[in-house]
Amino acid sequence: MNNEIKCPFCSGDMELGKLFGNTRLGQYWLPEDISFGTCLKKLCLTFDPEKHAVDLGGIILQGYEPFYEFNNLCKAYLCRSCKKVIIDYSNIPQK
């Protein structure tokens, strides 16, 4: 089965990955091959989860917010009919 997915906006190749995070650490997209154990060690047990997420090949979707300010939330578009979510992180600074 062919798992290649094209972007509905630019027709470029899309990468399979997973979302990881919580309200304290921030939200990140990480490549599919990163294990849950690596996520825990590198993101939860560190003082700089953003740097480690980027080092793992990830993207910052919502930065680390130690005081729960939630100033930099990414936009997400939901299609209820096909049950897909497209996340726009263009407003989130990357390290």
PDB file of N, CA and C in Angstrom:
ATOM      1  N   MET A   1       0.830  -1.171   0.000  1.00  0.00           N
ATOM      2  CA  MET A   1       0.000   0.000   0.000  1.00  0.00           C
ATOM      3  C   MET A   1       0.885   1.249   0.000  1.00  0.00           C
ATOM      4  N   ASN A   2       0.544   2.213  -0.810  1.00  0.00           N
ATOM      5  CA  ASN A   2       1.312   3.443  -0.929  1.00  0.00           C
ATOM      6  C   ASN A   2       0.867   4.412   0.157  1.00  0.00           C
ATOM      7  N   ASN A   3       1.790   4.823   1.028  1.00  0.00           N
ATOM      8  CA  ASN A   3       1.462   5.727   2.132  1.00  0.00           C
ATOM      9  C   ASN A   3       1.861   7.162   1.863  1.00  0.00           C
ATOM     10  N   GLU A   4       2.245   7.488   0.634  1.00  0.00           N
ATOM     11  CA  GLU A   4       2.629   8.856   0.324  1.00  0.00           C
ATOM     12  C   GLU A   4       1.394   9.741   0.314  1.00  0.00           C
ATOM     13  N   ILE A   5       1.494  10.852   1.013  1.00  0.00           N
ATOM     14  CA  ILE A   5       0.386  11.803   1.069  1.00  0.00           C
ATOM     15  C   ILE A   5       0.912  13.133   0.569  1.00  0.00           C
ATOM     16  N   LYS A   6       0.155  13.773  -0.279  1.00  0.00           N
ATOM     17  CA  LYS A   6       0.518  15.075  -0.827  1.00  0.00           C
ATOM     18  C   LYS A   6      -0.226  16.173  -0.082  1.00  0.00           C
ATOM     19  N   CYS A   7       0.437  17.287   0.099  1.00  0.00           N
ATOM     20  CA  CYS A   7      -0.168  18.440   0.748  1.00  0.00           C
ATOM     21  C   CYS A   7      -1.319  18.960  -0.121  1.00  0.00           C
ATOM     22  N   PRO A   8      -2.489  19.188   0.480  1.00  0.00           N
ATOM     23  CA  PRO A   8      -3.610  19.683  -0.317  1.00  0.00           C
ATOM     24  C   PRO A   8      -3.441  21.132  -0.779  1.00  0.00           C
ATOM     25  N   PHE A   9      -2.447  21.829  -0.239  1.00  0.00           N
ATOM     26  CA  PHE A   9      -2.218  23.222  -0.610  1.00  0.00           C
ATOM     27  C   PHE A   9      -1.136  23.382  -1.669  1.00  0.00           C
ATOM     28  N   CYS A  10       0.028  22.676  -1.491  1.00  0.00           N
ATOM     29  CA  CYS A  10       1.150  22.871  -2.414  1.00  0.00           C
ATOM     30  C   CYS A  10       1.518  21.610  -3.187  1.00  0.00           C
ATOM     31  N   SER A  11       0.884  20.485  -2.905  1.00  0.00           N
ATOM     32  CA  SER A  11       1.131  19.180  -3.538  1.00  0.00           C
ATOM     33  C   SER A  11       2.497  18.585  -3.188  1.00  0.00           C
ATOM     34  N   GLY A  12       3.187  19.160  -2.201  1.00  0.00           N
ATOM     35  CA  GLY A  12       4.455  18.585  -1.745  1.00  0.00           C
ATOM     36  C   GLY A  12       4.221  17.337  -0.900  1.00  0.00           C
ATOM     37  N   ASP A  13       5.288  16.577  -0.685  1.00  0.00           N
ATOM     38  CA  ASP A  13       5.184  15.369   0.143  1.00  0.00           C
ATOM     39  C   ASP A  13       4.942  15.747   1.598  1.00  0.00           C
ATOM     40  N   MET A  14       4.065  15.023   2.258  1.00  0.00           N
ATOM     41  CA  MET A  14       3.816  15.218   3.688  1.00  0.00           C
ATOM     42  C   MET A  14       4.525  14.115   4.451  1.00  0.00           C
ATOM     43  N   GLU A  15       4.977  14.421   5.664  1.00  0.00           N
ATOM     44  CA  GLU A  15       5.673  13.452   6.502  1.00  0.00           C
ATOM     45  C   GLU A  15       4.745  12.918   7.578  1.00  0.00           C
ATOM     46  N   LEU A  16       4.814  11.625   7.832  1.00  0.00           N
ATOM     47  CA  LEU A  16       4.059  11.014   8.910  1.00  0.00           C
ATOM     48  C   LEU A  16       4.779  11.282  10.221  1.00  0.00           C
ATOM     49  N   GLY A  17       4.044  11.643  11.227  1.00  0.00           N
ATOM     50  CA  GLY A  17       4.627  11.896  12.533  1.00  0.00           C
ATOM     51  C   GLY A  17       3.564  11.790  13.595  1.00  0.00           C
ATOM     52  N   LYS A  18       3.891  12.300  14.779  1.00  0.00           N
ATOM     53  CA  LYS A  18       2.943  12.241  15.892  1.00  0.00           C
ATOM     54  C   LYS A  18       3.017  13.526  16.685  1.00  0.00           C
ATOM     55  N   LEU A  19       1.954  13.825  17.389  1.00  0.00           N
ATOM     56  CA  LEU A  19       1.905  14.992  18.258  1.00  0.00           C
ATOM     57  C   LEU A  19       2.244  14.554  19.663  1.00  0.00           C
ATOM     58  N   PHE A  20       3.043  15.358  20.353  1.00  0.00           N
ATOM     59  CA  PHE A  20       3.462  15.027  21.712  1.00  0.00           C
ATOM     60  C   PHE A  20       3.509  16.304  22.524  1.00  0.00           C
ATOM     61  N   GLY A  21       3.099  16.227  23.772  1.00  0.00           N
ATOM     62  CA  GLY A  21       3.236  17.368  24.656  1.00  0.00           C
ATOM     63  C   GLY A  21       2.127  17.457  25.672  1.00  0.00           C
ATOM     64  N   ASN A  22       2.181  18.534  26.446  1.00  0.00           N
ATOM     65  CA  ASN A  22       1.138  18.830  27.415  1.00  0.00           C
ATOM     66  C   ASN A  22       1.157  20.337  27.668  1.00  0.00           C
ATOM     67  N   THR A  23       0.320  20.806  28.559  1.00  0.00           N
ATOM     68  CA  THR A  23       0.212  22.246  28.765  1.00  0.00           C
ATOM     69  C   THR A  23       1.467  22.861  29.359  1.00  0.00           C
ATOM     70  N   ARG A  24       2.257  22.095  30.078  1.00  0.00           N
ATOM     71  CA  ARG A  24       3.476  22.646  30.678  1.00  0.00           C
ATOM     72  C   ARG A  24       4.652  22.619  29.705  1.00  0.00           C
ATOM     73  N   LEU A  25       4.815  21.522  28.989  1.00  0.00           N
ATOM     74  CA  LEU A  25       5.981  21.348  28.126  1.00  0.00           C
ATOM     75  C   LEU A  25       5.846  22.005  26.761  1.00  0.00           C
ATOM     76  N   GLY A  26       4.638  22.225  26.316  1.00  0.00           N
ATOM     77  CA  GLY A  26       4.391  22.689  24.960  1.00  0.00           C
ATOM     78  C   GLY A  26       3.904  21.531  24.104  1.00  0.00           C
ATOM     79  N   GLN A  27       3.639  21.818  22.844  1.00  0.00           N
ATOM     80  CA  GLN A  27       3.147  20.817  21.898  1.00  0.00           C
ATOM     81  C   GLN A  27       4.135  20.718  20.746  1.00  0.00           C
ATOM     82  N   TYR A  28       4.409  19.489  20.306  1.00  0.00           N
ATOM     83  CA  TYR A  28       5.416  19.259  19.275  1.00  0.00           C
ATOM     84  C   TYR A  28       4.933  18.214  18.290  1.00  0.00           C
ATOM     85  N   TRP A  29       5.344  18.379  17.031  1.00  0.00           N
ATOM     86  CA  TRP A  29       5.219  17.307  16.038  1.00  0.00           C
ATOM     87  C   TRP A  29       6.576  16.648  15.987  1.00  0.00           C
ATOM     88  N   LEU A  30       6.586  15.307  16.061  1.00  0.00           N
ATOM     89  CA  LEU A  30       7.841  14.550  16.020  1.00  0.00           C
ATOM     90  C   LEU A  30       7.763  13.495  14.941  1.00  0.00           C
ATOM     91  N   PRO A  31       8.893  13.161  14.295  1.00  0.00           N
ATOM     92  CA  PRO A  31       8.892  12.116  13.272  1.00  0.00           C
ATOM     93  C   PRO A  31       8.370  10.787  13.829  1.00  0.00           C
ATOM     94  N   GLU A  32       7.780   9.999  12.965  1.00  0.00           N
ATOM     95  CA  GLU A  32       7.151   8.737  13.347  1.00  0.00           C
ATOM     96  C   GLU A  32       8.110   7.782  14.058  1.00  0.00           C
ATOM     97  N   ASP A  33       9.391   7.789  13.701  1.00  0.00           N
ATOM     98  CA  ASP A  33      10.333   6.813  14.268  1.00  0.00           C
ATOM     99  C   ASP A  33      10.835   7.158  15.670  1.00  0.00           C
ATOM    100  N   ILE A  34      10.429   8.279  16.236  1.00  0.00           N
ATOM    101  CA  ILE A  34      10.837   8.638  17.598  1.00  0.00           C
ATOM    102  C   ILE A  34       9.937   7.896  18.587  1.00  0.00           C
ATOM    103  N   SER A  35      10.537   7.117  19.479  1.00  0.00           N
ATOM    104  CA  SER A  35       9.752   6.305  20.417  1.00  0.00           C
ATOM    105  C   SER A  35       9.175   7.152  21.550  1.00  0.00           C
ATOM    106  N   PHE A  36       8.161   6.627  22.189  1.00  0.00           N
ATOM    107  CA  PHE A  36       7.547   7.310  23.326  1.00  0.00           C
ATOM    108  C   PHE A  36       8.565   7.470  24.455  1.00  0.00           C
ATOM    109  N   GLY A  37       9.400   6.467  24.674  1.00  0.00           N
ATOM    110  CA  GLY A  37      10.437   6.551  25.706  1.00  0.00           C
ATOM    111  C   GLY A  37      11.418   7.685  25.442  1.00  0.00           C
ATOM    112  N   THR A  38      11.806   7.851  24.192  1.00  0.00           N
ATOM    113  CA  THR A  38      12.702   8.961  23.832  1.00  0.00           C
ATOM    114  C   THR A  38      12.001  10.293  24.077  1.00  0.00           C
ATOM    115  N   CYS A  39      10.722  10.380  23.725  1.00  0.00           N
ATOM    116  CA  CYS A  39       9.953  11.606  23.987  1.00  0.00           C
ATOM    117  C   CYS A  39       9.977  11.945  25.464  1.00  0.00           C
ATOM    118  N   LEU A  40       9.733  10.955  26.302  1.00  0.00           N
ATOM    119  CA  LEU A  40       9.715  11.196  27.745  1.00  0.00           C
ATOM    120  C   LEU A  40      11.072  11.666  28.252  1.00  0.00           C
ATOM    121  N   LYS A  41      12.130  10.960  27.852  1.00  0.00           N
ATOM    122  CA  LYS A  41      13.470  11.317  28.323  1.00  0.00           C
ATOM    123  C   LYS A  41      13.918  12.677  27.827  1.00  0.00           C
ATOM    124  N   LYS A  42      13.715  12.940  26.559  1.00  0.00           N
ATOM    125  CA  LYS A  42      14.256  14.152  25.944  1.00  0.00           C
ATOM    126  C   LYS A  42      13.395  15.393  26.183  1.00  0.00           C
ATOM    127  N   LEU A  43      12.084  15.221  26.366  1.00  0.00           N
ATOM    128  CA  LEU A  43      11.207  16.379  26.499  1.00  0.00           C
ATOM    129  C   LEU A  43      10.708  16.594  27.919  1.00  0.00           C
ATOM    130  N   CYS A  44      10.375  15.524  28.623  1.00  0.00           N
ATOM    131  CA  CYS A  44       9.802  15.670  29.964  1.00  0.00           C
ATOM    132  C   CYS A  44      10.861  15.841  31.042  1.00  0.00           C
ATOM    133  N   LEU A  45      12.007  15.248  30.855  1.00  0.00           N
ATOM    134  CA  LEU A  45      13.045  15.275  31.888  1.00  0.00           C
ATOM    135  C   LEU A  45      14.166  16.236  31.507  1.00  0.00           C
ATOM    136  N   THR A  46      13.799  17.426  31.082  1.00  0.00           N
ATOM    137  CA  THR A  46      14.789  18.391  30.623  1.00  0.00           C
ATOM    138  C   THR A  46      14.344  19.805  30.966  1.00  0.00           C
ATOM    139  N   PHE A  47      15.275  20.731  30.913  1.00  0.00           N
ATOM    140  CA  PHE A  47      14.947  22.133  31.145  1.00  0.00           C
ATOM    141  C   PHE A  47      14.720  22.886  29.838  1.00  0.00           C
ATOM    142  N   ASP A  48      14.945  22.238  28.697  1.00  0.00           N
ATOM    143  CA  ASP A  48      14.762  22.897  27.407  1.00  0.00           C
ATOM    144  C   ASP A  48      14.077  21.951  26.416  1.00  0.00           C
ATOM    145  N   PRO A  49      12.779  21.674  26.618  1.00  0.00           N
ATOM    146  CA  PRO A  49      12.103  20.729  25.732  1.00  0.00           C
ATOM    147  C   PRO A  49      12.070  21.185  24.274  1.00  0.00           C
ATOM    148  N   GLU A  50      12.009  22.499  24.028  1.00  0.00           N
ATOM    149  CA  GLU A  50      11.967  22.987  22.647  1.00  0.00           C
ATOM    150  C   GLU A  50      13.231  22.606  21.882  1.00  0.00           C
ATOM    151  N   LYS A  51      14.392  22.805  22.504  1.00  0.00           N
ATOM    152  CA  LYS A  51      15.665  22.471  21.849  1.00  0.00           C
ATOM    153  C   LYS A  51      15.739  20.980  21.540  1.00  0.00           C
ATOM    154  N   HIS A  52      15.335  20.158  22.499  1.00  0.00           N
ATOM    155  CA  HIS A  52      15.409  18.710  22.290  1.00  0.00           C
ATOM    156  C   HIS A  52      14.419  18.244  21.225  1.00  0.00           C
ATOM    157  N   ALA A  53      13.248  18.855  21.160  1.00  0.00           N
ATOM    158  CA  ALA A  53      12.283  18.492  20.121  1.00  0.00           C
ATOM    159  C   ALA A  53      12.855  18.780  18.737  1.00  0.00           C
ATOM    160  N   VAL A  54      13.482  19.942  18.580  1.00  0.00           N
ATOM    161  CA  VAL A  54      14.094  20.304  17.302  1.00  0.00           C
ATOM    162  C   VAL A  54      15.274  19.379  16.995  1.00  0.00           C
ATOM    163  N   ASP A  55      16.082  19.046  18.006  1.00  0.00           N
ATOM    164  CA  ASP A  55      17.207  18.128  17.814  1.00  0.00           C
ATOM    165  C   ASP A  55      16.739  16.751  17.334  1.00  0.00           C
ATOM    166  N   LEU A  56      15.529  16.354  17.717  1.00  0.00           N
ATOM    167  CA  LEU A  56      14.972  15.068  17.293  1.00  0.00           C
ATOM    168  C   LEU A  56      14.331  15.139  15.903  1.00  0.00           C
ATOM    169  N   GLY A  57      14.380  16.305  15.283  1.00  0.00           N
ATOM    170  CA  GLY A  57      13.764  16.465  13.964  1.00  0.00           C
ATOM    171  C   GLY A  57      12.337  16.962  14.036  1.00  0.00           C
ATOM    172  N   GLY A  58      11.939  17.448  15.206  1.00  0.00           N
ATOM    173  CA  GLY A  58      10.567  17.872  15.413  1.00  0.00           C
ATOM    174  C   GLY A  58      10.323  19.334  15.086  1.00  0.00           C
ATOM    175  N   ILE A  59       9.082  19.725  15.231  1.00  0.00           N
ATOM    176  CA  ILE A  59       8.619  21.087  14.995  1.00  0.00           C
ATOM    177  C   ILE A  59       7.884  21.554  16.245  1.00  0.00           C
ATOM    178  N   ILE A  60       8.120  22.789  16.656  1.00  0.00           N
ATOM    179  CA  ILE A  60       7.431  23.364  17.810  1.00  0.00           C
ATOM    180  C   ILE A  60       6.055  23.849  17.358  1.00  0.00           C
ATOM    181  N   LEU A  61       5.000  23.322  17.952  1.00  0.00           N
ATOM    182  CA  LEU A  61       3.641  23.764  17.640  1.00  0.00           C
ATOM    183  C   LEU A  61       3.139  24.784  18.652  1.00  0.00           C
ATOM    184  N   GLN A  62       3.509  24.578  19.883  1.00  0.00           N
ATOM    185  CA  GLN A  62       3.229  25.546  20.950  1.00  0.00           C
ATOM    186  C   GLN A  62       4.434  25.509  21.857  1.00  0.00           C
ATOM    187  N   GLY A  63       5.080  26.637  22.038  1.00  0.00           N
ATOM    188  CA  GLY A  63       6.302  26.670  22.819  1.00  0.00           C
ATOM    189  C   GLY A  63       6.066  26.416  24.299  1.00  0.00           C
ATOM    190  N   TYR A  64       7.162  26.155  24.974  1.00  0.00           N
ATOM    191  CA  TYR A  64       7.177  25.956  26.419  1.00  0.00           C
ATOM    192  C   TYR A  64       6.637  27.211  27.093  1.00  0.00           C
ATOM    193  N   GLU A  65       5.617  27.075  27.915  1.00  0.00           N
ATOM    194  CA  GLU A  65       4.970  28.205  28.596  1.00  0.00           C
ATOM    195  C   GLU A  65       4.982  27.936  30.101  1.00  0.00           C
ATOM    196  N   PRO A  66       6.052  28.347  30.805  1.00  0.00           N
ATOM    197  CA  PRO A  66       6.151  28.004  32.225  1.00  0.00           C
ATOM    198  C   PRO A  66       5.058  28.619  33.094  1.00  0.00           C
ATOM    199  N   PHE A  67       4.441  29.693  32.625  1.00  0.00           N
ATOM    200  CA  PHE A  67       3.400  30.333  33.431  1.00  0.00           C
ATOM    201  C   PHE A  67       2.022  30.211  32.797  1.00  0.00           C
ATOM    202  N   TYR A  68       1.855  29.241  31.894  1.00  0.00           N
ATOM    203  CA  TYR A  68       0.562  28.949  31.268  1.00  0.00           C
ATOM    204  C   TYR A  68      -0.053  30.171  30.595  1.00  0.00           C
ATOM    205  N   GLU A  69       0.775  30.939  29.881  1.00  0.00           N
ATOM    206  CA  GLU A  69       0.269  32.134  29.222  1.00  0.00           C
ATOM    207  C   GLU A  69      -0.374  31.832  27.874  1.00  0.00           C
ATOM    208  N   PHE A  70       0.059  30.811  27.191  1.00  0.00           N
ATOM    209  CA  PHE A  70      -0.488  30.391  25.900  1.00  0.00           C
ATOM    210  C   PHE A  70      -0.550  31.529  24.895  1.00  0.00           C
ATOM    211  N   ASN A  71       0.559  32.240  24.756  1.00  0.00           N
ATOM    212  CA  ASN A  71       0.617  33.347  23.805  1.00  0.00           C
ATOM    213  C   ASN A  71       0.802  32.878  22.369  1.00  0.00           C
ATOM    214  N   ASN A  72       1.468  31.775  22.177  1.00  0.00           N
ATOM    215  CA  ASN A  72       1.796  31.309  20.831  1.00  0.00           C
ATOM    216  C   ASN A  72       1.097  29.995  20.513  1.00  0.00           C
ATOM    217  N   LEU A  73      -0.191  30.053  20.305  1.00  0.00           N
ATOM    218  CA  LEU A  73      -0.924  28.855  19.927  1.00  0.00           C
ATOM    219  C   LEU A  73      -0.968  28.751  18.412  1.00  0.00           C
ATOM    220  N   CYS A  74      -0.726  27.554  17.894  1.00  0.00           N
ATOM    221  CA  CYS A  74      -0.808  27.380  16.455  1.00  0.00           C
ATOM    222  C   CYS A  74      -2.272  27.229  16.048  1.00  0.00           C
ATOM    223  N   LYS A  75      -2.529  27.492  14.766  1.00  0.00           N
ATOM    224  CA  LYS A  75      -3.877  27.353  14.231  1.00  0.00           C
ATOM    225  C   LYS A  75      -4.052  25.945  13.697  1.00  0.00           C
ATOM    226  N   ALA A  76      -5.237  25.390  13.855  1.00  0.00           N
ATOM    227  CA  ALA A  76      -5.537  24.057  13.336  1.00  0.00           C
ATOM    228  C   ALA A  76      -6.890  24.097  12.640  1.00  0.00           C
ATOM    229  N   TYR A  77      -6.942  23.509  11.457  1.00  0.00           N
ATOM    230  CA  TYR A  77      -8.163  23.472  10.655  1.00  0.00           C
ATOM    231  C   TYR A  77      -8.704  22.049  10.641  1.00  0.00           C
ATOM    232  N   LEU A  78      -9.963  21.907  10.991  1.00  0.00           N
ATOM    233  CA  LEU A  78     -10.606  20.604  11.121  1.00  0.00           C
ATOM    234  C   LEU A  78     -11.594  20.389   9.990  1.00  0.00           C
ATOM    235  N   CYS A  79     -11.545  19.220   9.368  1.00  0.00           N
ATOM    236  CA  CYS A  79     -12.569  18.807   8.414  1.00  0.00           C
ATOM    237  C   CYS A  79     -13.369  17.700   9.083  1.00  0.00           C
ATOM    238  N   ARG A  80     -14.579  18.007   9.469  1.00  0.00           N
ATOM    239  CA  ARG A  80     -15.412  17.022  10.165  1.00  0.00           C
ATOM    240  C   ARG A  80     -15.850  15.886   9.252  1.00  0.00           C
ATOM    241  N   SER A  81     -15.953  16.142   7.963  1.00  0.00           N
ATOM    242  CA  SER A  81     -16.424  15.090   7.065  1.00  0.00           C
ATOM    243  C   SER A  81     -15.352  14.030   6.802  1.00  0.00           C
ATOM    244  N   CYS A  82     -14.089  14.437   6.598  1.00  0.00           N
ATOM    245  CA  CYS A  82     -13.051  13.427   6.359  1.00  0.00           C
ATOM    246  C   CYS A  82     -12.184  13.163   7.589  1.00  0.00           C
ATOM    247  N   LYS A  83     -12.484  13.856   8.695  1.00  0.00           N
ATOM    248  CA  LYS A  83     -11.811  13.643   9.983  1.00  0.00           C
ATOM    249  C   LYS A  83     -10.305  13.848   9.904  1.00  0.00           C
ATOM    250  N   LYS A  84      -9.907  14.960   9.277  1.00  0.00           N
ATOM    251  CA  LYS A  84      -8.503  15.334   9.167  1.00  0.00           C
ATOM    252  C   LYS A  84      -8.294  16.689   9.839  1.00  0.00           C
ATOM    253  N   VAL A  85      -7.108  16.883  10.371  1.00  0.00           N
ATOM    254  CA  VAL A  85      -6.724  18.165  10.954  1.00  0.00           C
ATOM    255  C   VAL A  85      -5.436  18.613  10.270  1.00  0.00           C
ATOM    256  N   ILE A  86      -5.421  19.853   9.832  1.00  0.00           N
ATOM    257  CA  ILE A  86      -4.216  20.455   9.282  1.00  0.00           C
ATOM    258  C   ILE A  86      -3.807  21.564  10.236  1.00  0.00           C
ATOM    259  N   ILE A  87      -2.549  21.530  10.670  1.00  0.00           N
ATOM    260  CA  ILE A  87      -2.057  22.466  11.675  1.00  0.00           C
ATOM    261  C   ILE A  87      -1.136  23.480  10.998  1.00  0.00           C
ATOM    262  N   ASP A  88      -1.386  24.759  11.241  1.00  0.00           N
ATOM    263  CA  ASP A  88      -0.560  25.846  10.718  1.00  0.00           C
ATOM    264  C   ASP A  88       0.299  26.370  11.868  1.00  0.00           C
ATOM    265  N   TYR A  89       1.607  26.130  11.781  1.00  0.00           N
ATOM    266  CA  TYR A  89       2.500  26.588  12.848  1.00  0.00           C
ATOM    267  C   TYR A  89       3.386  27.740  12.377  1.00  0.00           C
ATOM    268  N   SER A  90       2.960  28.472  11.351  1.00  0.00           N
ATOM    269  CA  SER A  90       3.784  29.542  10.789  1.00  0.00           C
ATOM    270  C   SER A  90       3.999  30.706  11.761  1.00  0.00           C
ATOM    271  N   ASN A  91       3.145  30.851  12.766  1.00  0.00           N
ATOM    272  CA  ASN A  91       3.302  31.937  13.730  1.00  0.00           C
ATOM    273  C   ASN A  91       4.120  31.537  14.962  1.00  0.00           C
ATOM    274  N   ILE A  92       4.651  30.326  15.004  1.00  0.00           N
ATOM    275  CA  ILE A  92       5.395  29.834  16.162  1.00  0.00           C
ATOM    276  C   ILE A  92       6.896  29.917  15.876  1.00  0.00           C
ATOM    277  N   PRO A  93       7.663  30.677  16.674  1.00  0.00           N
ATOM    278  CA  PRO A  93       9.112  30.758  16.458  1.00  0.00           C
ATOM    279  C   PRO A  93       9.778  29.409  16.693  1.00  0.00           C
ATOM    280  N   GLN A  94      10.703  29.051  15.803  1.00  0.00           N
ATOM    281  CA  GLN A  94      11.445  27.798  15.916  1.00  0.00           C
ATOM    282  C   GLN A  94      12.850  28.100  16.417  1.00  0.00           C
ATOM    283  N   LYS A  95      13.414  27.173  17.182  1.00  0.00           N
ATOM    284  CA  LYS A  95      14.778  27.352  17.705  1.00  0.00           C
ATOM    285  C   LYS A  95      15.795  26.829  16.722  1.00  0.00           C
TER     286      LYS A  95
END
